[in-house]
Protein backbone atom coordinates (compact mmCIF):
# COMPACT_ATOMS: atom_id res chain seq x y z
CA MET A 1 -17.32 16.33 -14.17
CA PHE A 2 -14.21 18.38 -13.52
CA VAL A 3 -12.27 21.35 -14.86
CA ARG A 4 -9.32 20.42 -17.01
CA ARG A 5 -6.39 22.55 -18.20
CA LYS A 6 -4.80 21.81 -21.57
CA LYS A 7 -1.52 23.28 -22.74
CA ASN A 8 -1.64 24.45 -26.37
CA ARG A 9 1.30 24.54 -28.81
CA SER A 10 1.05 28.31 -28.94
CA GLY A 11 1.83 28.48 -25.23
CA SER A 12 -1.72 29.36 -24.17
CA THR A 13 -3.88 27.16 -21.93
CA SER A 14 -7.37 25.96 -22.74
CA VAL A 15 -9.76 25.46 -19.84
CA VAL A 16 -12.51 22.92 -20.46
CA VAL A 17 -15.11 21.01 -18.49
CA ALA A 18 -14.52 17.29 -18.98
CA ASP A 19 -15.86 13.96 -17.84
CA LYS A 20 -14.17 10.55 -17.62
CA SER A 21 -16.11 7.39 -18.35
CA SER A 22 -14.74 3.89 -19.08
CA GLY A 23 -11.22 5.29 -19.08
CA ALA A 24 -11.92 7.89 -21.81
CA PHE A 25 -12.08 11.69 -21.43
CA THR A 26 -14.99 13.61 -22.96
CA GLU A 27 -14.98 17.40 -23.29
CA LEU A 28 -18.38 18.81 -22.34
CA LYS A 29 -17.71 22.54 -22.69
CA VAL A 30 -14.83 24.82 -23.64
CA ILE A 31 -14.69 27.63 -21.08
CA GLY A 32 -11.99 29.65 -22.82
CA VAL A 33 -8.30 30.15 -23.55
CA GLY A 34 -5.94 32.08 -21.28
CA THR A 35 -2.34 33.21 -21.56
CA SER A 36 -1.68 34.60 -18.08
CA GLU A 37 -2.10 32.81 -14.75
CA ASP A 38 -4.79 35.31 -13.71
CA ASP A 39 -6.78 34.60 -16.89
CA ILE A 40 -6.48 30.87 -16.34
CA ARG A 41 -7.60 31.07 -12.70
CA ALA A 42 -10.62 33.12 -13.75
CA LEU A 43 -11.52 30.54 -16.42
CA VAL A 44 -11.12 27.68 -13.92
CA LYS A 45 -13.48 29.47 -11.53
CA GLU A 46 -15.97 29.96 -14.34
CA GLY A 47 -15.71 26.27 -15.21
CA LYS A 48 -16.46 25.25 -11.64
CA GLU A 49 -19.46 27.55 -11.55
CA TRP A 50 -20.69 25.99 -14.79
CA ILE A 51 -20.39 22.50 -13.24
CA ALA A 52 -22.19 23.64 -10.08
CA HIS A 53 -25.04 25.09 -12.14
CA TYR A 54 -25.52 22.28 -14.66
CA ALA A 55 -24.81 19.38 -12.32
CA GLY A 56 -27.29 20.65 -9.78
CA GLN A 57 -24.58 21.24 -7.17
CA GLN A 58 -24.99 24.02 -4.63
CA THR A 59 -22.71 25.50 -2.04
CA VAL A 60 -24.15 25.24 1.46
CA SER A 61 -22.87 27.22 4.42
CA PHE A 62 -23.27 25.66 7.86
CA PRO A 63 -23.24 27.45 11.21
CA ASP A 64 -20.22 26.55 13.37
CA GLU A 65 -22.25 24.24 15.65
CA ALA A 66 -23.79 22.41 12.70
CA ALA A 67 -20.38 22.10 11.06
CA GLU A 68 -18.91 20.58 14.24
CA GLN A 69 -21.79 18.10 14.48
CA LEU A 70 -21.32 17.16 10.83
CA LYS A 71 -17.58 16.63 11.44
CA ARG A 72 -18.28 14.40 14.46
CA GLU A 73 -20.70 12.29 12.41
CA GLU A 74 -18.17 12.02 9.58
CA ASP A 75 -15.42 10.97 12.03
CA ALA A 76 -17.70 8.35 13.59
CA MET A 77 -18.62 7.00 10.17
CA THR A 78 -14.96 6.91 9.13
CA GLU A 79 -14.02 5.03 12.29
CA HIS A 80 -16.85 2.55 11.69
CA ILE A 81 -15.76 1.93 8.10
CA VAL A 82 -12.09 1.52 9.03
CA SER A 83 -13.04 -0.85 11.86
CA ASN A 84 -15.07 -2.95 9.42
CA ILE A 85 -12.18 -3.00 6.96
CA ILE A 86 -9.76 -4.16 9.67
CA GLY A 87 -12.21 -6.80 10.86
CA THR A 88 -12.76 -8.03 7.32
CA SER A 89 -9.02 -8.13 6.58
CA LEU A 90 -8.51 -10.31 9.66
CA LYS A 91 -11.44 -12.64 9.03
CA SER A 92 -11.14 -12.99 5.25
CA PRO A 93 -7.99 -15.19 5.30
CA GLN A 94 -9.61 -17.44 7.92
CA THR A 95 -12.79 -17.71 5.82
CA ILE A 96 -10.84 -18.55 2.67
CA ILE A 97 -8.55 -21.08 4.37
CA ASN A 98 -11.51 -22.76 6.03
CA LYS A 99 -13.10 -23.23 2.58
CA VAL A 100 -9.86 -24.70 1.19
CA TYR A 101 -9.48 -26.87 4.30
CA ASP A 102 -12.92 -28.36 3.71
CA ARG A 103 -12.36 -28.67 -0.06
CA ILE A 104 -9.21 -30.73 0.48
CA GLY A 105 -11.15 -32.98 2.84
CA PHE A 106 -9.52 -32.30 6.21
CA ASN A 107 -12.97 -31.73 7.72
CA ALA A 108 -13.14 -35.54 7.86
CA VAL A 109 -10.86 -35.19 10.90
CA GLN A 110 -13.46 -34.52 13.59
CA ASP A 111 -11.30 -32.20 15.65
CA GLU A 112 -11.53 -28.41 15.60
CA GLU A 113 -8.07 -28.06 17.21
CA LEU A 114 -6.49 -29.21 13.94
CA ARG A 115 -8.46 -26.61 11.99
CA HIS A 116 -7.41 -23.85 14.42
CA LEU A 117 -3.75 -24.84 14.19
CA VAL A 118 -3.78 -25.03 10.40
CA VAL A 119 -5.51 -21.67 9.96
CA SER A 120 -3.28 -19.85 12.44
CA ARG A 121 -0.13 -21.45 11.03
CA ILE A 122 -0.94 -20.12 7.56
CA CYS A 123 -2.27 -16.71 8.62
CA SER A 124 0.32 -15.98 11.28
CA PRO A 125 3.11 -18.56 11.69
CA MET A 126 4.39 -18.09 15.24
CA SER A 127 5.29 -20.07 18.33
CA LYS A 128 2.64 -22.21 19.98
CA LYS A 129 2.30 -19.70 22.83
CA ALA A 130 1.86 -16.83 20.34
CA THR A 131 -0.66 -18.95 18.44
CA VAL A 132 -2.82 -19.17 21.56
CA ASP A 133 -2.81 -15.37 21.87
CA TYR A 134 -3.50 -14.95 18.15
CA LEU A 135 -6.54 -17.23 18.20
CA ARG A 136 -7.95 -15.60 21.33
CA ARG A 137 -7.35 -12.00 20.25
CA HIS A 138 -8.54 -12.17 16.64
CA PHE A 139 -11.02 -15.05 16.53
CA ARG A 140 -12.16 -15.45 20.15
CA GLU A 141 -11.03 -19.07 20.10
CA ASP A 142 -10.02 -20.06 23.63
CA VAL A 143 -7.44 -22.81 23.01
CA SER A 144 -5.05 -23.40 25.89
CA LEU A 145 -1.32 -23.86 25.37
CA GLN A 146 -1.37 -27.24 27.13
CA LYS A 147 -4.19 -28.39 24.85
CA ILE A 148 -2.06 -27.59 21.80
CA TYR A 149 0.89 -29.52 23.26
CA ARG A 150 -1.34 -32.50 24.03
CA TYR A 151 -2.98 -32.32 20.63
CA LEU A 152 0.36 -32.76 18.83
CA ASP A 153 0.72 -36.17 20.53
CA LYS A 154 -2.87 -37.00 19.65
CA LEU A 155 -2.26 -36.04 16.03
CA TYR A 156 0.85 -38.22 15.83
CA ASN A 157 -0.63 -41.22 17.65
CA THR A 158 -4.18 -41.42 16.29
CA GLN A 159 -4.72 -39.09 13.31
CA GLN A 160 -1.47 -39.06 11.35
CA GLU A 161 -2.48 -41.77 8.88
CA LEU A 162 -5.88 -40.19 8.18
CA VAL A 163 -4.34 -36.73 7.63
CA GLN A 164 -1.72 -38.22 5.32
CA ALA A 165 -4.30 -40.20 3.34
CA ILE A 166 -6.40 -37.07 2.82
CA SER A 167 -3.35 -35.11 1.68
CA VAL A 168 -2.21 -37.81 -0.73
CA GLU A 169 -5.65 -38.28 -2.28
CA HIS A 170 -6.03 -34.53 -2.78
CA THR A 171 -2.59 -34.39 -4.44
CA ARG A 172 -3.51 -37.29 -6.69
CA GLU A 173 -6.68 -35.47 -7.69
CA LEU A 174 -4.65 -32.37 -8.59
CA PHE A 175 -2.40 -34.39 -10.89
CA GLY A 176 -5.08 -36.48 -12.56
CA GLY A 177 -4.55 -39.55 -10.38
CA ASN A 178 -0.84 -39.94 -11.21
CA LEU A 179 1.78 -38.43 -8.92
CA GLY A 180 4.55 -39.13 -11.42
CA ILE A 181 7.42 -37.46 -9.53
CA LEU A 182 8.50 -37.82 -5.90
CA PHE A 183 11.03 -35.40 -4.41
CA TYR A 184 12.95 -36.54 -1.35
CA ASP A 185 15.22 -34.58 0.98
CA VAL A 186 16.37 -34.57 4.59
CA THR A 187 17.10 -31.98 7.24
CA THR A 188 18.10 -32.00 10.88
CA LEU A 189 16.33 -30.50 13.90
CA TYR A 190 18.45 -29.83 16.98
CA PHE A 191 17.46 -29.39 20.63
CA GLU A 192 18.75 -26.75 23.07
CA THR A 193 19.69 -29.34 25.66
CA THR A 194 22.45 -31.79 26.48
CA ASP A 195 20.02 -34.64 27.26
CA LYS A 196 19.96 -37.52 24.79
CA ASP A 197 17.71 -40.53 24.30
CA GLU A 198 17.04 -43.24 21.71
CA LEU A 199 15.83 -40.67 19.16
CA ARG A 200 17.77 -37.53 20.10
CA GLU A 201 21.47 -38.06 19.51
CA SER A 202 24.40 -36.07 18.18
CA GLY A 203 25.22 -36.35 14.51
CA PHE A 204 26.01 -34.31 11.44
CA SER A 205 23.99 -31.11 11.94
CA LYS A 206 22.90 -29.05 8.95
CA ASP A 207 22.59 -26.11 11.37
CA GLY A 208 26.19 -26.43 12.54
CA LYS A 209 25.04 -27.57 16.01
CA ASN A 210 27.13 -30.71 16.17
CA SER A 211 27.32 -30.67 19.97
CA ASN A 212 23.52 -30.62 20.36
CA PRO A 213 21.33 -33.73 20.21
CA GLN A 214 19.15 -33.79 17.10
CA VAL A 215 16.76 -35.83 14.98
CA VAL A 216 16.88 -36.42 11.23
CA LEU A 217 13.70 -35.55 9.30
CA GLY A 218 13.05 -37.13 5.91
CA LEU A 219 10.35 -35.53 3.73
CA LEU A 220 8.70 -36.77 0.56
CA VAL A 221 6.82 -34.24 -1.58
CA SER A 222 5.18 -34.12 -5.01
CA ARG A 223 5.35 -31.58 -7.80
CA GLY A 224 4.41 -28.17 -6.47
CA GLY A 225 5.72 -29.05 -3.01
CA TYR A 226 2.63 -30.92 -1.80
CA PRO A 227 3.69 -33.01 1.25
CA LEU A 228 3.22 -36.75 0.90
CA SER A 229 5.10 -38.45 3.73
CA TYR A 230 7.72 -37.86 6.41
CA SER A 231 9.57 -39.79 9.04
CA LEU A 232 11.92 -39.05 11.96
CA PHE A 233 15.18 -40.91 12.40
CA ASN A 234 17.78 -41.15 15.11
CA GLY A 235 20.00 -38.06 15.13
CA SER A 236 23.11 -40.10 14.35
CA GLN A 237 21.53 -41.83 11.34
CA TYR A 238 23.35 -41.45 8.03
CA GLU A 239 20.95 -39.59 5.72
CA GLY A 240 21.65 -41.91 2.82
CA TYR A 241 19.91 -44.72 4.73
CA THR A 242 16.66 -42.77 5.23
CA MET A 243 15.31 -42.51 1.68
CA ILE A 244 14.52 -46.12 0.77
CA PRO A 245 12.38 -46.90 3.88
CA ILE A 246 10.20 -43.81 3.35
CA VAL A 247 9.79 -44.31 -0.41
CA ASP A 248 9.11 -48.04 -0.02
CA ASP A 249 6.55 -47.51 2.76
CA PHE A 250 4.79 -44.81 0.75
CA VAL A 251 4.66 -46.87 -2.45
CA GLN A 252 3.30 -49.93 -0.64
CA ARG A 253 0.67 -48.09 1.44
CA PHE A 254 -0.71 -46.03 -1.43
CA LYS A 255 -0.22 -48.63 -4.19
CA LEU A 256 1.70 -46.18 -6.32
CA GLY A 257 2.54 -48.52 -9.19
CA LYS A 258 5.65 -48.43 -11.36
CA ASP A 259 5.12 -45.17 -13.20
CA PHE A 260 6.97 -42.71 -10.97
CA VAL A 261 10.38 -41.04 -10.67
CA VAL A 262 12.29 -40.31 -7.46
CA ILE A 263 14.39 -37.13 -7.43
CA ALA A 264 16.93 -36.43 -4.66
CA ASP A 265 20.34 -34.88 -4.05
CA ALA A 266 23.38 -36.67 -5.44
CA GLY A 267 24.44 -37.55 -1.89
CA LEU A 268 21.24 -39.56 -1.45
CA MET A 269 21.38 -41.20 -4.86
CA SER A 270 24.18 -43.64 -4.12
CA SER A 271 24.66 -46.63 -6.41
CA LYS A 272 23.17 -48.84 -3.67
CA ASN A 273 20.04 -46.68 -3.34
CA ILE A 274 19.59 -46.51 -7.11
CA LYS A 275 19.78 -50.32 -7.28
CA LEU A 276 17.26 -50.67 -4.44
CA LEU A 277 14.88 -48.26 -6.19
CA ARG A 278 15.16 -50.18 -9.45
CA ASP A 279 14.72 -53.54 -7.73
CA GLY A 280 11.72 -52.21 -5.84
CA ALA A 281 10.12 -50.91 -9.06
CA THR A 282 10.43 -54.32 -10.71
CA ASN A 283 8.78 -56.02 -7.70
CA ILE A 284 5.71 -53.74 -7.54
């Protein structure tokens, strides 16, 4: 219950005791009508007294010491509640992502480092060093920086195919077993060094870093941006030559069938690539 003021057409103000339930106001008692501010204040006071009497509310006076103790208890309770809210806000994303992680099927990869990296990458995408601090500070997960570096090699060398198979099967499930559309594009990743090797070479840089060695990354995704496959190419590789190997490998490994469409930039869809795609479709 509360005291409500209502302006009348005549210019006076009605003071009523009202209640709000299910979004609707209900007037419980009309206290009176006032025209001056003094009258209105007196009616508001009367309305509050009416609420205190009929709602069983009483005004209690505390000695100074008791009031201070009450304030300390309230502050402690407030701090406890806020702390719980902060803790919940930090843990809730991790809890949700862990459920999704398991639902997709990535728990088949018997390695908790992958789970930690996935959760932290979604919750707080940062550098690998910052990821170590994030996991330790918020989730008490003691994962060393060197272990993360080593795990990336492990993921590439021994777990890449399993992770990809899980991702593809989940995507197929989302689209009723038929992927239908494959989107392909490339980008370049450069290195802040002058050293080159068989993979890192200079080429056309999409970042404008033509003097830096780079690699070319080709990525195949489905509708909705679900990743399907990727591959790294020599930094000097012409991007038009990257699409067919990735698409062909993906189609053969996952027995895609003929009923799909490849979508890519015009620069990738040369007449030669279109012919190779059509020839490949007829041979599946």
